[in-house]
Amino acid sequence: MRAYDLIKIKNKGIIELPEDIALELGIVEGAYLLAEIDERTKEISFERIALPGKDLVEIEAVLEDKPGVLAKIASELGKRNINILFNESDELEYGNLSALVVIVDISKSKIPLEKLEKHLSAMEFVKELEVRKID
């Protein structure tokens, strides 16, 4: 069931949820939310991605668009004890390529970010890669 509540936007676009709604959704101070914005329809939705205490990294990649590529990326992350919290991929309009965005928790991984980026970049189907820490 959906719930509706009218919320007034505060100064500088700050959204303050009523405490009962925040608790019901598990939204606590320090949690990370993913905002999905549709500029065409002027709609926004939020999804809780992580609770506080995670060490988050965003990985953006352009990959060859062929079967098994996402599985290989997921497997490489899993081998390094990196937890995938969110991912989305979409085919690009040119060159049999796809775009991938992944948000991961590296808090239980022992591999330095630079080494992870170098390792993923070296995979033959990875055409572009950017890895950035989320504060």
C-alpha atoms as a PDB file:
ATOM      1  CA  MET A   1       0.000   0.000   0.000  1.00  0.00           C
ATOM      2  CA  ARG A   2       1.179   3.520  -0.695  1.00  0.00           C
ATOM      3  CA  ALA A   3       1.116   6.308   1.845  1.00  0.00           C
ATOM      4  CA  TYR A   4       0.886   9.978   0.977  1.00  0.00           C
ATOM      5  CA  ASP A   5       2.020  12.964   2.999  1.00  0.00           C
ATOM      6  CA  LEU A   6       2.420  16.574   1.985  1.00  0.00           C
ATOM      7  CA  ILE A   7       5.911  17.812   2.810  1.00  0.00           C
ATOM      8  CA  LYS A   8       7.007  21.427   2.513  1.00  0.00           C
ATOM      9  CA  ILE A   9      10.490  21.985   1.128  1.00  0.00           C
ATOM     10  CA  LYS A  10      12.769  23.886   3.488  1.00  0.00           C
ATOM     11  CA  ASN A  11      15.377  26.527   2.648  1.00  0.00           C
ATOM     12  CA  LYS A  12      17.851  25.485  -0.118  1.00  0.00           C
ATOM     13  CA  GLY A  13      15.804  22.432  -1.137  1.00  0.00           C
ATOM     14  CA  ILE A  14      16.096  20.574   2.168  1.00  0.00           C
ATOM     15  CA  ILE A  15      13.455  17.869   2.560  1.00  0.00           C
ATOM     16  CA  GLU A  16      12.536  16.973   6.125  1.00  0.00           C
ATOM     17  CA  LEU A  17      10.545  13.786   6.509  1.00  0.00           C
ATOM     18  CA  PRO A  18       8.174  13.386   9.441  1.00  0.00           C
ATOM     19  CA  GLU A  19       9.846  11.173  12.039  1.00  0.00           C
ATOM     20  CA  ASP A  20       7.222   8.408  11.843  1.00  0.00           C
ATOM     21  CA  ILE A  21       7.658   8.086   8.065  1.00  0.00           C
ATOM     22  CA  ALA A  22      11.460   8.090   8.337  1.00  0.00           C
ATOM     23  CA  LEU A  23      11.366   5.355  10.988  1.00  0.00           C
ATOM     24  CA  GLU A  24       8.906   3.267   8.969  1.00  0.00           C
ATOM     25  CA  LEU A  25      11.257   3.404   5.966  1.00  0.00           C
ATOM     26  CA  GLY A  26      14.382   2.785   8.043  1.00  0.00           C
ATOM     27  CA  ILE A  27      15.806   6.161   7.150  1.00  0.00           C
ATOM     28  CA  VAL A  28      18.176   7.200   9.908  1.00  0.00           C
ATOM     29  CA  GLU A  29      20.823   9.893  10.203  1.00  0.00           C
ATOM     30  CA  GLY A  30      23.819   8.989   8.077  1.00  0.00           C
ATOM     31  CA  ALA A  31      21.909   6.592   5.801  1.00  0.00           C
ATOM     32  CA  TYR A  32      22.409   6.873   2.044  1.00  0.00           C
ATOM     33  CA  LEU A  33      19.459   7.354  -0.284  1.00  0.00           C
ATOM     34  CA  LEU A  34      19.458   7.045  -4.049  1.00  0.00           C
ATOM     35  CA  ALA A  35      17.335   9.730  -5.707  1.00  0.00           C
ATOM     36  CA  GLU A  36      15.808   8.791  -9.055  1.00  0.00           C
ATOM     37  CA  ILE A  37      14.768  11.923 -10.907  1.00  0.00           C
ATOM     38  CA  ASP A  38      12.589  12.044 -14.007  1.00  0.00           C
ATOM     39  CA  GLU A  39      13.028  15.532 -15.436  1.00  0.00           C
ATOM     40  CA  ARG A  40      10.347  14.916 -18.052  1.00  0.00           C
ATOM     41  CA  THR A  41       7.574  14.110 -15.567  1.00  0.00           C
ATOM     42  CA  LYS A  42       9.028  16.194 -12.690  1.00  0.00           C
ATOM     43  CA  GLU A  43       8.927  13.167 -10.395  1.00  0.00           C
ATOM     44  CA  ILE A  44      11.451  11.997  -7.847  1.00  0.00           C
ATOM     45  CA  SER A  45      11.674   8.787  -5.874  1.00  0.00           C
ATOM     46  CA  PHE A  46      14.092   7.706  -3.171  1.00  0.00           C
ATOM     47  CA  GLU A  47      15.484   4.285  -2.340  1.00  0.00           C
ATOM     48  CA  ARG A  48      17.540   3.567   0.756  1.00  0.00           C
ATOM     49  CA  ILE A  49      20.826   2.113  -0.422  1.00  0.00           C
ATOM     50  CA  ALA A  50      22.869   1.824   2.761  1.00  0.00           C
ATOM     51  CA  LEU A  51      22.707   2.325   6.489  1.00  0.00           C
ATOM     52  CA  PRO A  52      25.430   4.283   8.297  1.00  0.00           C
ATOM     53  CA  GLY A  53      28.818   2.632   8.715  1.00  0.00           C
ATOM     54  CA  LYS A  54      29.337   1.574   5.118  1.00  0.00           C
ATOM     55  CA  ASP A  55      32.357   2.525   3.036  1.00  0.00           C
ATOM     56  CA  LEU A  56      30.724   3.359  -0.285  1.00  0.00           C
ATOM     57  CA  VAL A  57      32.237   3.547  -3.750  1.00  0.00           C
ATOM     58  CA  GLU A  58      30.582   4.305  -7.087  1.00  0.00           C
ATOM     59  CA  ILE A  59      31.841   2.481 -10.161  1.00  0.00           C
ATOM     60  CA  GLU A  60      30.867   3.760 -13.608  1.00  0.00           C
ATOM     61  CA  ALA A  61      31.864   1.746 -16.643  1.00  0.00           C
ATOM     62  CA  VAL A  62      31.353   1.394 -20.360  1.00  0.00           C
ATOM     63  CA  LEU A  63      31.435  -2.296 -21.226  1.00  0.00           C
ATOM     64  CA  GLU A  64      31.058  -4.516 -24.244  1.00  0.00           C
ATOM     65  CA  ASP A  65      27.363  -5.408 -24.450  1.00  0.00           C
ATOM     66  CA  LYS A  66      27.462  -9.199 -24.495  1.00  0.00           C
ATOM     67  CA  PRO A  67      26.204 -12.058 -22.308  1.00  0.00           C
ATOM     68  CA  GLY A  68      28.124 -12.760 -19.110  1.00  0.00           C
ATOM     69  CA  VAL A  69      29.866  -9.403 -18.725  1.00  0.00           C
ATOM     70  CA  LEU A  70      27.823  -8.280 -15.697  1.00  0.00           C
ATOM     71  CA  ALA A  71      28.303 -11.696 -14.092  1.00  0.00           C
ATOM     72  CA  LYS A  72      32.075 -11.393 -14.501  1.00  0.00           C
ATOM     73  CA  ILE A  73      32.096  -7.934 -12.884  1.00  0.00           C
ATOM     74  CA  ALA A  74      29.912  -9.165 -10.002  1.00  0.00           C
ATOM     75  CA  SER A  75      32.137 -12.207  -9.545  1.00  0.00           C
ATOM     76  CA  GLU A  76      35.309 -10.083  -9.398  1.00  0.00           C
ATOM     77  CA  LEU A  77      33.738  -7.823  -6.771  1.00  0.00           C
ATOM     78  CA  GLY A  78      32.505 -10.798  -4.753  1.00  0.00           C
ATOM     79  CA  LYS A  79      35.947 -12.434  -4.761  1.00  0.00           C
ATOM     80  CA  ARG A  80      37.291  -9.294  -3.106  1.00  0.00           C
ATOM     81  CA  ASN A  81      34.559  -9.254  -0.427  1.00  0.00           C
ATOM     82  CA  ILE A  82      32.910  -6.193  -1.993  1.00  0.00           C
ATOM     83  CA  ASN A  83      29.143  -6.015  -1.526  1.00  0.00           C
ATOM     84  CA  ILE A  84      27.009  -4.670  -4.393  1.00  0.00           C
ATOM     85  CA  LEU A  85      24.276  -2.440  -2.961  1.00  0.00           C
ATOM     86  CA  PHE A  86      22.887  -1.050  -6.223  1.00  0.00           C
ATOM     87  CA  ASN A  87      23.507  -1.531  -9.915  1.00  0.00           C
ATOM     88  CA  GLU A  88      21.935  -0.406 -13.137  1.00  0.00           C
ATOM     89  CA  SER A  89      22.959  -0.998 -16.715  1.00  0.00           C
ATOM     90  CA  ASP A  90      21.644   0.156 -20.043  1.00  0.00           C
ATOM     91  CA  GLU A  91      22.720  -0.415 -23.603  1.00  0.00           C
ATOM     92  CA  LEU A  92      24.251   2.545 -25.384  1.00  0.00           C
ATOM     93  CA  GLU A  93      23.027   3.631 -28.805  1.00  0.00           C
ATOM     94  CA  TYR A  94      26.366   3.051 -30.501  1.00  0.00           C
ATOM     95  CA  GLY A  95      28.970   0.340 -30.843  1.00  0.00           C
ATOM     96  CA  ASN A  96      27.437  -2.641 -28.985  1.00  0.00           C
ATOM     97  CA  LEU A  97      28.327  -1.081 -25.643  1.00  0.00           C
ATOM     98  CA  SER A  98      26.527  -0.783 -22.335  1.00  0.00           C
ATOM     99  CA  ALA A  99      26.793   1.657 -19.450  1.00  0.00           C
ATOM    100  CA  LEU A 100      27.012   0.313 -15.909  1.00  0.00           C
ATOM    101  CA  VAL A 101      26.663   2.137 -12.603  1.00  0.00           C
ATOM    102  CA  VAL A 102      27.361   0.196  -9.414  1.00  0.00           C
ATOM    103  CA  ILE A 103      27.371   1.349  -5.795  1.00  0.00           C
ATOM    104  CA  VAL A 104      29.350  -0.979  -3.569  1.00  0.00           C
ATOM    105  CA  ASP A 105      30.387  -1.303   0.064  1.00  0.00           C
ATOM    106  CA  ILE A 106      34.125  -1.929   0.375  1.00  0.00           C
ATOM    107  CA  SER A 107      34.234  -1.911   4.188  1.00  0.00           C
ATOM    108  CA  LYS A 108      35.041  -5.660   4.356  1.00  0.00           C
ATOM    109  CA  SER A 109      37.458  -5.676   1.425  1.00  0.00           C
ATOM    110  CA  LYS A 110      41.233  -5.652   1.788  1.00  0.00           C
ATOM    111  CA  ILE A 111      42.011  -4.410  -1.753  1.00  0.00           C
ATOM    112  CA  PRO A 112      43.002  -0.726  -2.088  1.00  0.00           C
ATOM    113  CA  LEU A 113      40.752   1.297  -4.419  1.00  0.00           C
ATOM    114  CA  GLU A 114      43.588   2.038  -6.832  1.00  0.00           C
ATOM    115  CA  LYS A 115      44.333  -1.670  -7.218  1.00  0.00           C
ATOM    116  CA  LEU A 116      40.635  -2.481  -7.702  1.00  0.00           C
ATOM    117  CA  GLU A 117      40.334   0.168 -10.397  1.00  0.00           C
ATOM    118  CA  LYS A 118      43.461  -1.088 -12.158  1.00  0.00           C
ATOM    119  CA  HIS A 119      42.218  -4.690 -11.999  1.00  0.00           C
ATOM    120  CA  LEU A 120      38.750  -3.888 -13.371  1.00  0.00           C
ATOM    121  CA  SER A 121      40.200  -1.640 -16.096  1.00  0.00           C
ATOM    122  CA  ALA A 122      42.396  -4.507 -17.296  1.00  0.00           C
ATOM    123  CA  MET A 123      39.412  -6.768 -18.037  1.00  0.00           C
ATOM    124  CA  GLU A 124      39.159  -7.151 -21.825  1.00  0.00           C
ATOM    125  CA  PHE A 125      35.496  -6.098 -22.059  1.00  0.00           C
ATOM    126  CA  VAL A 126      35.916  -2.877 -20.006  1.00  0.00           C
ATOM    127  CA  LYS A 127      36.235   0.094 -22.361  1.00  0.00           C
ATOM    128  CA  GLU A 128      36.009   2.957 -19.830  1.00  0.00           C
ATOM    129  CA  LEU A 129      36.029   2.953 -16.036  1.00  0.00           C
ATOM    130  CA  GLU A 130      35.743   5.486 -13.243  1.00  0.00           C
ATOM    131  CA  VAL A 131      35.864   4.591  -9.550  1.00  0.00           C
ATOM    132  CA  ARG A 132      35.100   7.215  -6.929  1.00  0.00           C
ATOM    133  CA  LYS A 133      34.667   7.180  -3.174  1.00  0.00           C
ATOM    134  CA  ILE A 134      31.328   8.407  -1.817  1.00  0.00           C
ATOM    135  CA  ASP A 135      31.573  10.585   1.282  1.00  0.00           C
END
